[in-house]
C-alpha atoms as a PDB file:
ATOM      1  CA  MET A   1      22.643 -84.514  30.767  1.00  0.00           C
ATOM      2  CA  PRO A   2      19.397 -85.044  32.633  1.00  0.00           C
ATOM      3  CA  VAL A   3      19.575 -81.667  34.641  1.00  0.00           C
ATOM      4  CA  LEU A   4      20.101 -79.720  31.297  1.00  0.00           C
ATOM      5  CA  HIS A   5      17.067 -81.522  29.548  1.00  0.00           C
ATOM      6  CA  ARG A   6      14.685 -80.991  32.837  1.00  0.00           C
ATOM      7  CA  ARG A   7      15.649 -77.345  33.122  1.00  0.00           C
ATOM      8  CA  VAL A   8      15.130 -76.592  29.388  1.00  0.00           C
ATOM      9  CA  SER A   9      12.048 -78.733  29.020  1.00  0.00           C
ATOM     10  CA  ARG A  10      10.223 -76.992  31.808  1.00  0.00           C
ATOM     11  CA  TRP A  11      11.265 -73.500  30.581  1.00  0.00           C
ATOM     12  CA  ALA A  12      10.736 -73.904  26.762  1.00  0.00           C
ATOM     13  CA  GLY A  13       9.294 -77.266  26.090  1.00  0.00           C
ATOM     14  CA  PRO A  14      10.503 -80.844  25.272  1.00  0.00           C
ATOM     15  CA  HIS A  15      11.510 -79.796  21.788  1.00  0.00           C
ATOM     16  CA  ALA A  16      13.733 -77.142  22.836  1.00  0.00           C
ATOM     17  CA  ALA A  17      15.252 -79.639  25.497  1.00  0.00           C
ATOM     18  CA  LEU A  18      16.050 -81.882  22.628  1.00  0.00           C
ATOM     19  CA  ILE A  19      17.750 -79.201  20.652  1.00  0.00           C
ATOM     20  CA  ALA A  20      19.702 -78.265  23.842  1.00  0.00           C
ATOM     21  CA  ASP A  21      20.775 -81.749  24.488  1.00  0.00           C
ATOM     22  CA  ALA A  22      22.004 -82.284  20.858  1.00  0.00           C
ATOM     23  CA  ALA A  23      24.023 -78.851  20.894  1.00  0.00           C
ATOM     24  CA  TYR A  24      25.617 -80.107  24.315  1.00  0.00           C
ATOM     25  CA  LEU A  25      26.640 -83.257  22.850  1.00  0.00           C
ATOM     26  CA  VAL A  26      28.303 -82.153  19.893  1.00  0.00           C
ATOM     27  CA  THR A  27      29.890 -79.225  21.388  1.00  0.00           C
ATOM     28  CA  PRO A  28      33.720 -80.210  21.124  1.00  0.00           C
ATOM     29  CA  VAL A  29      34.660 -78.293  24.224  1.00  0.00           C
ATOM     30  CA  ALA A  30      32.288 -80.405  26.375  1.00  0.00           C
ATOM     31  CA  VAL A  31      34.111 -83.578  25.234  1.00  0.00           C
ATOM     32  CA  GLY A  32      37.506 -82.060  25.982  1.00  0.00           C
ATOM     33  CA  LEU A  33      36.572 -80.647  29.282  1.00  0.00           C
ATOM     34  CA  PHE A  34      34.656 -83.715  30.640  1.00  0.00           C
ATOM     35  CA  ARG A  35      37.048 -86.443  29.739  1.00  0.00           C
ATOM     36  CA  THR A  36      39.671 -85.242  32.018  1.00  0.00           C
ATOM     37  CA  ALA A  37      39.996 -85.162  35.887  1.00  0.00           C
ATOM     38  CA  MET A  38      39.495 -81.458  36.288  1.00  0.00           C
ATOM     39  CA  GLU A  39      36.922 -79.917  38.224  1.00  0.00           C
ATOM     40  CA  ASP A  40      34.824 -78.347  35.448  1.00  0.00           C
ATOM     41  CA  PRO A  41      32.178 -81.335  35.222  1.00  0.00           C
ATOM     42  CA  ALA A  42      31.376 -80.925  38.953  1.00  0.00           C
ATOM     43  CA  PHE A  43      31.306 -76.963  38.389  1.00  0.00           C
ATOM     44  CA  THR A  44      28.969 -77.122  35.629  1.00  0.00           C
ATOM     45  CA  LEU A  45      26.648 -79.479  37.232  1.00  0.00           C
ATOM     46  CA  CYS A  46      26.575 -77.404  40.320  1.00  0.00           C
ATOM     47  CA  VAL A  47      25.772 -74.459  38.493  1.00  0.00           C
ATOM     48  CA  LEU A  48      23.097 -76.084  36.571  1.00  0.00           C
ATOM     49  CA  LEU A  49      21.569 -77.446  39.937  1.00  0.00           C
ATOM     50  CA  ALA A  50      21.728 -73.967  41.304  1.00  0.00           C
ATOM     51  CA  ALA A  51      19.690 -72.569  38.287  1.00  0.00           C
ATOM     52  CA  GLU A  52      17.193 -75.130  38.627  1.00  0.00           C
ATOM     53  CA  ALA A  53      16.560 -74.861  42.263  1.00  0.00           C
ATOM     54  CA  THR A  54      16.452 -70.807  41.663  1.00  0.00           C
ATOM     55  CA  GLN A  55      13.691 -71.550  39.084  1.00  0.00           C
ATOM     56  CA  ARG A  56      11.833 -73.665  41.302  1.00  0.00           C
ATOM     57  CA  ALA A  57      12.133 -70.924  44.169  1.00  0.00           C
ATOM     58  CA  ALA A  58      10.955 -68.090  41.661  1.00  0.00           C
ATOM     59  CA  ALA A  59       8.288 -70.185  40.400  1.00  0.00           C
ATOM     60  CA  GLY A  60       6.832 -71.193  44.010  1.00  0.00           C
ATOM     61  CA  GLY A  61       8.137 -68.386  46.186  1.00  0.00           C
ATOM     62  CA  ARG A  62       9.237 -70.727  48.433  1.00  0.00           C
ATOM     63  CA  LEU A  63      12.368 -70.754  51.053  1.00  0.00           C
ATOM     64  CA  ARG A  64      13.638 -74.096  50.629  1.00  0.00           C
ATOM     65  CA  PRO A  65      14.419 -74.290  46.766  1.00  0.00           C
ATOM     66  CA  GLN A  66      16.312 -70.926  47.191  1.00  0.00           C
ATOM     67  CA  VAL A  67      18.396 -72.281  50.172  1.00  0.00           C
ATOM     68  CA  VAL A  68      19.199 -75.303  47.878  1.00  0.00           C
ATOM     69  CA  ALA A  69      20.512 -73.073  45.173  1.00  0.00           C
ATOM     70  CA  GLY A  70      22.735 -71.353  47.897  1.00  0.00           C
ATOM     71  CA  VAL A  71      24.041 -74.971  48.778  1.00  0.00           C
ATOM     72  CA  TRP A  72      24.697 -75.776  45.155  1.00  0.00           C
ATOM     73  CA  VAL A  73      26.611 -72.497  44.571  1.00  0.00           C
ATOM     74  CA  GLY A  74      28.569 -73.205  47.657  1.00  0.00           C
ATOM     75  CA  VAL A  75      29.626 -76.433  46.325  1.00  0.00           C
ATOM     76  CA  GLY A  76      30.595 -75.028  42.989  1.00  0.00           C
ATOM     77  CA  PHE A  77      32.830 -72.583  44.876  1.00  0.00           C
ATOM     78  CA  GLN A  78      34.565 -75.778  46.281  1.00  0.00           C
ATOM     79  CA  ALA A  79      35.141 -76.664  42.763  1.00  0.00           C
ATOM     80  CA  LYS A  80      36.088 -73.463  41.203  1.00  0.00           C
ATOM     81  CA  MET A  81      36.214 -70.840  43.954  1.00  0.00           C
ATOM     82  CA  LEU A  82      35.081 -67.223  43.016  1.00  0.00           C
ATOM     83  CA  GLU A  83      33.887 -68.484  39.430  1.00  0.00           C
ATOM     84  CA  ALA A  84      30.858 -70.058  41.065  1.00  0.00           C
ATOM     85  CA  TRP A  85      29.729 -66.798  42.452  1.00  0.00           C
ATOM     86  CA  ALA A  86      29.601 -65.196  39.143  1.00  0.00           C
ATOM     87  CA  VAL A  87      26.249 -66.466  38.766  1.00  0.00           C
ATOM     88  CA  LEU A  88      24.906 -64.945  41.748  1.00  0.00           C
ATOM     89  CA  PRO A  89      23.593 -61.575  40.349  1.00  0.00           C
ATOM     90  CA  ALA A  90      21.627 -63.446  37.667  1.00  0.00           C
ATOM     91  CA  LEU A  91      20.059 -65.891  40.204  1.00  0.00           C
ATOM     92  CA  ALA A  92      19.272 -63.149  42.703  1.00  0.00           C
ATOM     93  CA  LEU A  93      17.699 -61.051  39.888  1.00  0.00           C
ATOM     94  CA  VAL A  94      15.709 -64.005  38.734  1.00  0.00           C
ATOM     95  CA  HIS A  95      14.199 -64.444  42.149  1.00  0.00           C
ATOM     96  CA  LEU A  96      13.816 -60.813  42.821  1.00  0.00           C
ATOM     97  CA  VAL A  97      11.882 -60.158  39.621  1.00  0.00           C
ATOM     98  CA  SER A  98       9.747 -63.304  39.355  1.00  0.00           C
ATOM     99  CA  ALA A  99       8.945 -64.861  42.753  1.00  0.00           C
ATOM    100  CA  PRO A 100       5.102 -64.431  43.359  1.00  0.00           C
ATOM    101  CA  ILE A 101       5.610 -63.142  47.040  1.00  0.00           C
ATOM    102  CA  THR A 102       6.140 -59.711  48.750  1.00  0.00           C
ATOM    103  CA  LEU A 103       9.384 -57.721  48.217  1.00  0.00           C
ATOM    104  CA  ARG A 104      10.266 -58.303  51.889  1.00  0.00           C
ATOM    105  CA  LYS A 105      10.038 -62.054  51.636  1.00  0.00           C
ATOM    106  CA  ARG A 106      11.942 -62.261  48.361  1.00  0.00           C
ATOM    107  CA  LEU A 107      14.900 -60.350  50.114  1.00  0.00           C
ATOM    108  CA  THR A 108      14.663 -62.382  53.382  1.00  0.00           C
ATOM    109  CA  HIS A 109      15.080 -65.590  51.128  1.00  0.00           C
ATOM    110  CA  LEU A 110      18.174 -64.307  49.205  1.00  0.00           C
ATOM    111  CA  ALA A 111      19.709 -63.266  52.484  1.00  0.00           C
ATOM    112  CA  VAL A 112      19.025 -66.835  54.016  1.00  0.00           C
ATOM    113  CA  SER A 113      20.273 -68.335  50.937  1.00  0.00           C
ATOM    114  CA  ALA A 114      23.281 -66.153  50.750  1.00  0.00           C
ATOM    115  CA  VAL A 115      24.228 -67.016  54.476  1.00  0.00           C
ATOM    116  CA  VAL A 116      23.999 -70.768  53.418  1.00  0.00           C
ATOM    117  CA  MET A 117      26.068 -70.252  50.373  1.00  0.00           C
ATOM    118  CA  THR A 118      28.677 -68.421  52.445  1.00  0.00           C
ATOM    119  CA  ALA A 119      28.786 -71.444  54.992  1.00  0.00           C
ATOM    120  CA  VAL A 120      29.102 -74.166  52.441  1.00  0.00           C
ATOM    121  CA  SER A 121      31.472 -72.081  50.434  1.00  0.00           C
ATOM    122  CA  ALA A 122      33.836 -71.469  53.536  1.00  0.00           C
ATOM    123  CA  SER A 123      33.317 -75.095  54.979  1.00  0.00           C
ATOM    124  CA  TRP A 124      36.241 -76.864  53.322  1.00  0.00           C
ATOM    125  CA  MET A 125      38.704 -73.892  54.104  1.00  0.00           C
ATOM    126  CA  LEU A 126      37.470 -73.663  57.702  1.00  0.00           C
ATOM    127  CA  ALA A 127      37.818 -77.355  57.907  1.00  0.00           C
ATOM    128  CA  VAL A 128      41.504 -77.273  56.803  1.00  0.00           C
ATOM    129  CA  THR A 129      42.434 -74.326  58.890  1.00  0.00           C
ATOM    130  CA  LEU A 130      41.174 -76.174  62.074  1.00  0.00           C
ATOM    131  CA  VAL A 131      42.855 -79.453  61.612  1.00  0.00           C
ATOM    132  CA  PRO A 132      46.372 -79.392  63.047  1.00  0.00           C
ATOM    133  CA  GLY A 133      49.228 -80.163  60.668  1.00  0.00           C
ATOM    134  CA  ARG A 134      51.514 -82.977  61.203  1.00  0.00           C
END
């Protein structure tokens, strides 16, 4: 999975990324889950992309990657509902602890990201509610 390789490579180097890729490929549960039409592959990809965006936001202290992380968590909510929100404490803690900006800006970034995540999470339910039935 290119996202996993890129994330681990930036965090721990190319050798660790290859080890992570190999571990992922030989994990029997990954083969069992991702060969079906279930929503697990989409959910896993969304969580990985949210983690990548959070890491970019924390490294650069910018708002846009943090908002992108909120979008990915919201899309993950579309796949697995509240399971996607289980990663929020970890993502928020990463940004709060390591972003090279003031605490006020970090909290503002997280608030904006939370609003975007909530809007994306609720979009499908809102669309279904507003479309009249036959």
